Amino acid sequence: MLRFRFVPILLLFCASAVAQERTITILTDKAFDGRGGVLRNARIQVRGDKIVSVGKQTGAPTPATYDLRGLTVLPGWIDSHVHITWHFGPNGHFGEKNEPPERATLEMEGNAWRTLMAGFTTVQCLGSPEDKPLRDAINNGVVPGPRILTAITPLTDEKLTPDQIREFVRKVKADGADVLKIFASRSIRQGGGQTLSDEQLKAACDEARAQGLRSVVHAYKSAVKATAIAGCTEVEHGSLTTDDDLREMAKDGTWFDPQVGLVIHNYLDNKDKFLGADGYTEEGFAKMQEVLPLNAAMFKRALATPGLKIVFGTDAVAGAHGRNAEEFIYRVRDGGQDPMAAMVSANSLAAQAMELDKQIGSLAPGMQADIIALDGDPKSDITAVRRVAFVMKGGVVYKNSR
């Protein structure tokens, strides 16, 4: 089924290549600029893959390529943490060993398509070797999907010496990674204890910086503070962290990507599909159930920490792709985040954390033409994030359900 669904999109790719300098005009009566501002009666012009102007529409509306009045327009969302290649196998279970490779490929492409249709035009995959060919296929117009930044192979071996860790980081860079992923803690299903020493963490993050890579760290408990002190770029998850750890991240300028609800709810809803795979046990699911309300409480404490830079990330795994926006709802309803702040965390803030804020995350001239529109206003009804009516990525329209 996915094979047929991709055909019109591939044709659209070809058409866009021929007419890439055509000017597209978008009319909207309400747009979020990605930085916390609201634009009224805006007229957005796109040429090729870039936004060339954002101005106020005066007088009678001029002819438009896309009239998005009545919708809420905003930059394409950025998800700072996904596992886009994870999927359920032919028998409906995660981690099946005998899946035909062509089926796995279609599942991964399907995940990319669903993610794009949900309004996410950029994602950070953390990480799997299969991310790289998918990233490259999307970049080359072979299949449609969000812009992918990938860690390819994460650092997991706690037995490596600091010199061996530096060598590992150099290899990851040579392999084409966009970012370094580090596991400094066990899974929350295994208690979340720290696995890398402070010296190992510093070696990894120092070498990443030397290689021009950002470093994002899977960290719980004591590993959160250790990550910040080591000068790493970003902490992922942060469950069971203390107020002192949160203050340390703020002091050191460490980006924070916590998850409030989607990933654990998705695991619990799909428990039978994960049980039996490596690391997924009854005890582990009990631990996830236990930590679920603690994550919401931790997120509230994070929001109350002055200067802490919080970005949007879902840790979307099998079963969650295309439902990434549900994390907005958990953040607002259970975590107490202001809806506009939640939008900004997936736009300009996430772009800054990825060092891409001159390219994505805002509606402004010179930025990539990543533009989405919602049927509803998430400021007054956060469930509007489920109703994505329009998706443009790099000047190409993939969805227009007006």
Protein backbone atom coordinates (compact mmCIF):
# COMPACT_ATOMS: atom_id res chain seq x y z
CA MET A 1 0.00 0.00 0.00
CA LEU A 2 2.82 2.40 0.81
CA ARG A 3 4.36 1.73 -2.59
CA PHE A 4 1.35 3.25 -4.36
CA ARG A 5 0.96 6.06 -1.90
CA PHE A 6 4.42 7.39 -2.72
CA VAL A 7 3.91 7.64 -6.48
CA PRO A 8 2.19 11.07 -6.64
CA ILE A 9 4.71 12.49 -4.22
CA LEU A 10 7.61 11.37 -6.39
CA LEU A 11 5.93 13.01 -9.37
CA LEU A 12 5.58 16.14 -7.28
CA PHE A 13 9.33 16.01 -6.61
CA CYS A 14 9.98 16.01 -10.35
CA ALA A 15 7.57 18.87 -10.96
CA SER A 16 9.16 20.95 -8.22
CA ALA A 17 12.61 20.50 -9.74
CA VAL A 18 11.37 21.94 -13.04
CA ALA A 19 9.53 24.87 -11.51
CA GLN A 20 11.62 25.51 -8.41
CA GLU A 21 11.97 29.24 -9.11
CA ARG A 22 8.21 29.76 -9.36
CA THR A 23 6.99 32.20 -6.69
CA ILE A 24 4.37 30.76 -4.36
CA THR A 25 2.14 33.10 -2.38
CA ILE A 26 0.47 32.02 0.85
CA LEU A 27 -2.25 34.08 2.51
CA THR A 28 -3.04 33.67 6.19
CA ASP A 29 -4.99 35.66 8.73
CA LYS A 30 -3.05 34.16 11.67
CA ALA A 31 0.48 32.80 11.75
CA PHE A 32 2.95 32.00 14.53
CA ASP A 33 6.44 33.16 13.59
CA GLY A 34 8.15 30.34 15.52
CA ARG A 35 9.67 32.73 18.05
CA GLY A 36 6.55 33.47 20.10
CA GLY A 37 5.08 36.20 17.92
CA VAL A 38 1.73 36.19 16.10
CA LEU A 39 1.44 37.59 12.58
CA ARG A 40 -1.96 38.90 11.48
CA ASN A 41 -3.08 38.99 7.85
CA ALA A 42 0.33 37.86 6.64
CA ARG A 43 1.35 37.32 3.06
CA ILE A 44 4.21 34.82 2.73
CA GLN A 45 6.12 34.44 -0.52
CA VAL A 46 8.23 31.38 -1.31
CA ARG A 47 10.65 30.95 -4.18
CA GLY A 48 12.42 27.65 -4.65
CA ASP A 49 13.03 26.18 -1.21
CA LYS A 50 13.23 29.51 0.67
CA ILE A 51 10.89 32.07 2.15
CA VAL A 52 11.61 35.34 0.34
CA SER A 53 9.20 37.68 2.11
CA VAL A 54 6.76 37.85 5.01
CA GLY A 55 4.61 40.96 4.96
CA LYS A 56 1.26 42.30 6.00
CA GLN A 57 -1.57 41.92 3.52
CA THR A 58 -3.22 45.31 3.02
CA GLY A 59 -6.37 46.12 1.13
CA ALA A 60 -8.25 43.47 -0.80
CA PRO A 61 -6.54 40.05 -0.80
CA THR A 62 -4.27 39.55 -3.79
CA PRO A 63 -4.38 36.27 -5.72
CA ALA A 64 -2.70 33.51 -3.76
CA THR A 65 -1.32 30.10 -4.61
CA TYR A 66 -2.57 28.83 -1.24
CA ASP A 67 -5.22 30.64 0.76
CA LEU A 68 -4.78 29.40 4.33
CA ARG A 69 -7.02 31.95 6.00
CA GLY A 70 -9.02 30.33 8.77
CA LEU A 71 -6.09 28.09 9.71
CA THR A 72 -3.17 28.69 12.06
CA VAL A 73 0.07 28.80 10.08
CA LEU A 74 3.48 28.14 11.65
CA PRO A 75 6.94 26.81 10.78
CA GLY A 76 7.26 23.07 10.34
CA TRP A 77 7.82 21.38 13.67
CA ILE A 78 11.16 19.94 14.77
CA ASP A 79 11.29 16.75 16.84
CA SER A 80 14.62 16.56 18.66
CA HIS A 81 14.45 12.84 19.44
CA VAL A 82 12.99 10.06 17.32
CA HIS A 83 13.84 6.51 16.27
CA ILE A 84 12.29 6.71 12.84
CA THR A 85 13.44 3.28 11.64
CA TRP A 86 11.83 1.40 14.57
CA HIS A 87 8.73 -0.55 13.56
CA PHE A 88 6.77 -3.70 14.24
CA GLY A 89 7.66 -6.77 12.19
CA PRO A 90 5.52 -9.07 10.01
CA ASN A 91 4.05 -10.77 13.09
CA GLY A 92 3.29 -7.49 14.81
CA HIS A 93 6.23 -7.56 17.23
CA PHE A 94 9.21 -5.27 17.71
CA GLY A 95 12.68 -6.68 16.99
CA GLU A 96 11.70 -9.65 14.81
CA LYS A 97 14.87 -11.26 13.50
CA ASN A 98 13.58 -12.79 10.26
CA GLU A 99 11.94 -9.77 8.64
CA PRO A 100 12.64 -9.46 4.90
CA PRO A 101 14.80 -6.37 4.28
CA GLU A 102 12.45 -4.99 1.62
CA ARG A 103 9.60 -5.01 4.13
CA ALA A 104 11.76 -3.24 6.71
CA THR A 105 12.60 -0.59 4.11
CA LEU A 106 8.93 0.06 3.36
CA GLU A 107 8.14 0.32 7.07
CA MET A 108 10.89 2.89 7.56
CA GLU A 109 9.73 4.91 4.56
CA GLY A 110 6.19 4.71 5.93
CA ASN A 111 7.37 6.10 9.27
CA ALA A 112 9.03 9.00 7.46
CA TRP A 113 5.85 9.70 5.49
CA ARG A 114 3.60 9.61 8.57
CA THR A 115 5.96 11.91 10.45
CA LEU A 116 5.97 14.44 7.63
CA MET A 117 2.19 14.32 7.29
CA ALA A 118 1.93 15.06 11.03
CA GLY A 119 3.69 18.40 10.45
CA PHE A 120 7.26 17.48 11.43
CA THR A 121 9.61 18.69 8.72
CA THR A 122 12.84 18.04 10.65
CA VAL A 123 13.70 15.22 13.06
CA GLN A 124 16.79 14.12 14.95
CA CYS A 125 17.26 10.33 14.95
CA LEU A 126 19.29 9.00 17.88
CA GLY A 127 20.40 6.63 16.42
CA SER A 128 20.49 3.60 14.17
CA PRO A 129 22.74 2.75 11.19
CA GLU A 130 19.58 2.49 9.05
CA ASP A 131 18.95 6.20 9.62
CA LYS A 132 21.74 7.15 7.23
CA PRO A 133 20.40 5.61 3.98
CA LEU A 134 16.92 6.90 4.83
CA ARG A 135 18.32 10.39 5.44
CA ASP A 136 20.19 10.30 2.16
CA ALA A 137 17.21 8.94 0.21
CA ILE A 138 15.04 11.80 1.49
CA ASN A 139 17.74 14.40 0.77
CA ASN A 140 18.08 13.05 -2.78
CA GLY A 141 14.32 13.11 -3.44
CA VAL A 142 14.01 9.33 -3.69
CA VAL A 143 11.34 9.13 -0.97
CA PRO A 144 9.42 11.85 0.88
CA GLY A 145 10.03 12.51 4.53
CA PRO A 146 11.27 15.00 7.09
CA ARG A 147 14.79 16.38 7.06
CA ILE A 148 16.80 13.89 9.14
CA LEU A 149 19.79 14.50 11.38
CA THR A 150 21.21 11.21 12.57
CA ALA A 151 23.69 9.91 15.15
CA ILE A 152 24.06 6.67 13.12
CA THR A 153 25.79 4.62 15.84
CA PRO A 154 25.44 5.69 19.48
CA LEU A 155 28.20 5.41 22.08
CA THR A 156 27.12 2.63 24.45
CA ASP A 157 30.25 0.73 25.48
CA GLU A 158 31.05 1.63 29.09
CA LYS A 159 34.31 -0.37 28.97
CA LEU A 160 36.06 1.96 26.51
CA THR A 161 38.95 4.06 27.74
CA PRO A 162 38.85 7.83 27.16
CA ASP A 163 41.27 7.42 24.22
CA GLN A 164 39.11 4.68 22.73
CA ILE A 165 36.06 6.90 23.16
CA ARG A 166 37.77 9.71 21.27
CA GLU A 167 38.59 7.26 18.49
CA PHE A 168 34.95 6.13 18.41
CA VAL A 169 33.76 9.74 18.06
CA ARG A 170 36.14 10.34 15.17
CA LYS A 171 34.83 7.24 13.42
CA VAL A 172 31.21 8.32 13.87
CA LYS A 173 32.10 11.66 12.32
CA ALA A 174 33.85 9.95 9.40
CA ASP A 175 30.80 7.71 8.89
CA GLY A 176 28.68 10.81 8.24
CA ALA A 177 26.88 11.39 11.53
CA ASP A 178 25.27 14.77 12.13
CA VAL A 179 25.35 14.45 15.93
CA LEU A 180 26.88 12.22 18.61
CA LYS A 181 24.49 10.18 20.78
CA ILE A 182 25.87 9.00 24.13
CA PHE A 183 24.29 6.56 26.57
CA ALA A 184 25.42 7.65 30.04
CA SER A 185 22.66 5.80 31.90
CA ARG A 186 20.90 2.48 31.74
CA SER A 187 17.34 2.45 30.45
CA ILE A 188 14.68 3.66 32.86
CA ARG A 189 13.34 0.10 32.57
CA GLN A 190 16.58 -0.97 34.28
CA GLY A 191 16.58 1.74 36.93
CA GLY A 192 18.42 4.49 35.02
CA GLY A 193 21.77 4.26 36.86
CA GLN A 194 24.83 6.04 35.46
CA THR A 195 27.02 3.86 33.21
CA LEU A 196 29.79 6.18 31.97
CA SER A 197 32.23 7.81 34.34
CA ASP A 198 32.61 11.58 34.44
CA GLU A 199 35.99 11.18 32.71
CA GLN A 200 34.47 9.09 29.90
CA LEU A 201 31.67 11.62 29.39
CA LYS A 202 34.10 14.51 29.19
CA ALA A 203 36.28 12.66 26.68
CA ALA A 204 33.26 11.99 24.46
CA CYS A 205 31.86 15.50 24.55
CA ASP A 206 35.24 17.20 24.20
CA GLU A 207 36.07 15.09 21.13
CA ALA A 208 32.62 15.71 19.66
CA ARG A 209 33.21 19.44 19.96
CA ALA A 210 36.64 19.07 18.34
CA GLN A 211 35.00 17.21 15.44
CA GLY A 212 32.26 19.81 15.00
CA LEU A 213 29.54 17.54 16.38
CA ARG A 214 26.93 18.30 18.98
CA SER A 215 26.65 15.73 21.78
CA VAL A 216 23.27 14.57 23.09
CA VAL A 217 23.23 12.31 26.11
CA HIS A 218 20.72 9.71 27.30
CA ALA A 219 20.85 10.52 31.01
CA TYR A 220 18.88 9.88 34.17
CA LYS A 221 19.62 10.49 37.85
CA SER A 222 23.27 11.47 38.56
CA ALA A 223 24.20 11.30 34.86
CA VAL A 224 22.17 14.47 34.23
CA LYS A 225 24.45 16.68 36.31
CA ALA A 226 27.54 14.84 35.09
CA THR A 227 26.49 15.53 31.48
CA ALA A 228 26.10 19.24 32.13
CA ILE A 229 29.44 19.52 33.95
CA ALA A 230 31.16 17.62 31.12
CA GLY A 231 30.10 20.33 28.68
CA CYS A 232 27.85 18.14 26.53
CA THR A 233 25.30 19.84 24.32
CA GLU A 234 22.00 18.31 25.42
CA VAL A 235 20.44 15.98 27.98
CA GLU A 236 17.81 13.54 26.73
CA HIS A 237 15.04 12.34 29.09
CA GLY A 238 16.28 13.39 32.56
CA SER A 239 13.82 11.29 34.55
CA LEU A 240 14.45 11.05 38.30
CA THR A 241 16.58 14.18 38.23
CA THR A 242 16.79 16.69 41.10
CA ASP A 243 16.26 20.43 41.24
CA ASP A 244 20.01 20.82 41.72
CA ASP A 245 20.59 18.88 38.45
CA LEU A 246 18.13 21.13 36.64
CA ARG A 247 19.89 24.23 37.95
CA GLU A 248 23.24 22.81 36.84
CA MET A 249 21.95 22.40 33.29
CA ALA A 250 20.68 25.98 33.30
CA LYS A 251 23.99 27.27 34.65
CA ASP A 252 26.05 25.41 32.05
CA GLY A 253 23.76 26.26 29.13
CA THR A 254 22.87 22.61 28.53
CA TRP A 255 19.82 22.04 26.37
CA PHE A 256 17.17 19.79 27.92
CA ASP A 257 14.89 17.42 26.01
CA PRO A 258 12.52 15.73 28.48
CA GLN A 259 9.49 13.61 27.60
CA VAL A 260 6.21 13.93 29.48
CA GLY A 261 3.89 11.30 28.06
CA LEU A 262 3.92 10.04 24.49
CA VAL A 263 6.80 7.57 24.62
CA ILE A 264 5.73 5.78 27.80
CA HIS A 265 2.04 5.77 26.89
CA ASN A 266 2.99 4.33 23.50
CA TYR A 267 5.02 1.59 25.17
CA LEU A 268 2.20 0.75 27.55
CA ASP A 269 -0.42 0.76 24.78
CA ASN A 270 1.76 -1.57 22.69
CA LYS A 271 3.11 -3.68 25.55
CA ASP A 272 2.33 -7.02 23.90
CA LYS A 273 4.25 -5.94 20.78
CA PHE A 274 7.40 -5.04 22.73
CA LEU A 275 7.49 -7.76 25.39
CA GLY A 276 10.18 -10.32 24.68
CA ALA A 277 12.41 -8.00 22.66
CA ASP A 278 15.82 -7.19 24.14
CA GLY A 279 15.38 -5.09 27.28
CA TYR A 280 11.59 -5.30 27.41
CA THR A 281 10.34 -7.25 30.42
CA GLU A 282 7.35 -7.18 32.75
CA GLU A 283 9.56 -5.54 35.37
CA GLY A 284 10.62 -2.90 32.88
CA PHE A 285 7.04 -2.04 31.99
CA ALA A 286 6.18 -1.77 35.69
CA LYS A 287 9.06 0.71 36.07
CA MET A 288 7.77 2.79 33.15
CA GLN A 289 4.29 2.90 34.67
CA GLU A 290 5.85 4.03 37.94
CA VAL A 291 7.90 6.83 36.38
CA LEU A 292 5.09 8.23 34.19
CA PRO A 293 3.64 10.67 36.78
CA LEU A 294 7.17 11.48 37.97
CA ASN A 295 8.05 12.68 34.48
CA ALA A 296 5.17 15.17 34.49
CA ALA A 297 6.23 16.45 37.92
CA MET A 298 9.85 16.73 36.76
CA PHE A 299 8.76 18.67 33.68
CA LYS A 300 6.91 21.18 35.86
CA ARG A 301 10.06 21.64 37.95
CA ALA A 302 12.09 22.08 34.77
CA LEU A 303 9.72 24.81 33.55
CA ALA A 304 10.17 26.58 36.89
CA THR A 305 13.99 26.50 36.65
CA PRO A 306 15.25 29.95 35.56
CA GLY A 307 17.31 29.90 32.39
CA LEU A 308 16.80 26.23 31.55
CA LYS A 309 16.48 25.79 27.78
CA ILE A 310 13.83 23.14 27.05
CA VAL A 311 13.30 21.77 23.54
CA PHE A 312 10.64 19.49 22.11
CA GLY A 313 11.43 15.81 21.62
CA THR A 314 9.22 12.74 21.71
CA ASP A 315 11.57 9.72 21.66
CA ALA A 316 9.07 8.34 19.11
CA VAL A 317 9.57 4.60 18.66
CA ALA A 318 7.55 1.90 16.88
CA GLY A 319 3.86 2.75 17.11
CA ALA A 320 4.38 6.47 17.73
CA HIS A 321 5.49 7.75 14.32
CA GLY A 322 2.94 10.18 12.95
CA ARG A 323 1.59 10.76 16.47
CA ASN A 324 4.54 12.92 17.57
CA ALA A 325 2.28 15.91 18.20
CA GLU A 326 0.55 14.06 21.07
CA GLU A 327 3.57 15.06 23.18
CA PHE A 328 2.43 18.70 22.89
CA ILE A 329 -0.84 17.72 24.53
CA TYR A 330 0.90 15.88 27.36
CA ARG A 331 3.23 18.83 27.91
CA VAL A 332 0.40 21.33 28.11
CA ARG A 333 -2.22 19.27 29.96
CA ASP A 334 -0.03 17.20 32.29
CA GLY A 335 3.14 19.28 32.39
CA GLY A 336 1.58 22.72 32.64
CA GLN A 337 3.46 24.29 29.74
CA ASP A 338 2.09 27.39 28.04
CA PRO A 339 0.84 26.34 24.56
CA MET A 340 2.81 29.02 22.73
CA ALA A 341 5.97 28.04 24.61
CA ALA A 342 5.35 24.46 23.53
CA MET A 343 5.15 25.57 19.89
CA VAL A 344 8.35 27.62 20.19
CA SER A 345 10.15 24.64 21.77
CA ALA A 346 9.52 22.73 18.52
CA ASN A 347 10.41 25.68 16.29
CA SER A 348 13.11 28.29 16.96
CA LEU A 349 14.38 26.76 20.21
CA ALA A 350 14.85 23.30 18.71
CA ALA A 351 16.53 24.91 15.69
CA GLN A 352 18.94 26.76 17.98
CA ALA A 353 19.78 23.56 19.85
CA MET A 354 20.59 21.90 16.49
CA GLU A 355 22.57 24.97 15.37
CA LEU A 356 20.19 25.35 12.44
CA ASP A 357 18.41 28.53 13.54
CA LYS A 358 19.62 30.39 10.42
CA GLN A 359 17.85 27.80 8.27
CA ILE A 360 14.74 26.43 9.99
CA GLY A 361 12.35 27.07 12.86
CA SER A 362 11.04 30.54 11.97
CA LEU A 363 8.85 32.28 9.41
CA ALA A 364 11.27 34.86 8.04
CA PRO A 365 12.95 35.77 4.75
CA GLY A 366 15.90 33.51 3.94
CA MET A 367 14.63 30.57 5.98
CA GLN A 368 13.78 27.19 4.52
CA ALA A 369 10.16 27.14 3.34
CA ASP A 370 8.99 24.65 5.96
CA ILE A 371 5.42 25.75 6.61
CA ILE A 372 2.46 23.93 8.14
CA ALA A 373 -1.10 24.91 9.00
CA LEU A 374 -3.50 23.64 11.67
CA ASP A 375 -7.28 23.50 11.68
CA GLY A 376 -7.66 25.37 14.96
CA ASP A 377 -5.56 27.46 17.32
CA PRO A 378 -3.32 25.48 19.73
CA LYS A 379 -3.17 28.47 22.06
CA SER A 380 -6.83 27.96 22.94
CA ASP A 381 -7.19 24.28 22.02
CA ILE A 382 -3.98 22.27 22.18
CA THR A 383 -5.66 19.33 20.42
CA ALA A 384 -5.48 21.41 17.22
CA VAL A 385 -1.97 19.94 16.82
CA ARG A 386 -3.69 16.73 15.71
CA ARG A 387 -5.36 18.52 12.80
CA VAL A 388 -2.57 19.33 10.36
CA ALA A 389 -4.19 20.56 7.14
CA PHE A 390 -1.18 21.79 5.18
CA VAL A 391 2.47 20.69 4.99
CA MET A 392 5.19 22.35 2.93
CA LYS A 393 8.84 21.32 3.29
CA GLY A 394 11.55 23.12 1.38
CA GLY A 395 8.98 24.83 -0.82
CA VAL A 396 7.27 21.57 -1.85
CA VAL A 397 3.67 21.01 -0.74
CA TYR A 398 3.01 17.47 0.47
CA LYS A 399 -0.39 17.99 2.05
CA ASN A 400 -3.23 20.42 1.42
CA SER A 401 -6.55 19.21 2.76
CA ARG A 402 -8.43 22.50 2.63
